[in-house]
């Protein structure tokens, strides 16, 4: 399956995060590979953000590094307060119209 630029960028960011956490835990790539039961090349591929690595490996590595769900913070989209205000105003106007119709 081909990935678009957005997906590639996301995996690169996640790979960098995993690398940083591995270094903070003072683990070598071969230590991580041994604990996960994968090759050192697989660990390197994760840290590069390769899309060819099985999702189970990404999840197992997150657990090993105590990362929890690091992808959640990467996926958070900042909320535009003005757009949120406009959305709420439109919702209230719609609800008011619905009340009047009854």
Foldseek 3Di string as FASTA:
>chain_A
DDDDPVLQVLQQVLLCVLVVLCVVVVHDLCRLCVVVVHDSVLNVCSNRSHPVRDVVSSVVSCVVSVVPCVSVVVPDDDDDVVVVVVVVVVVVVVVVVVVVVD
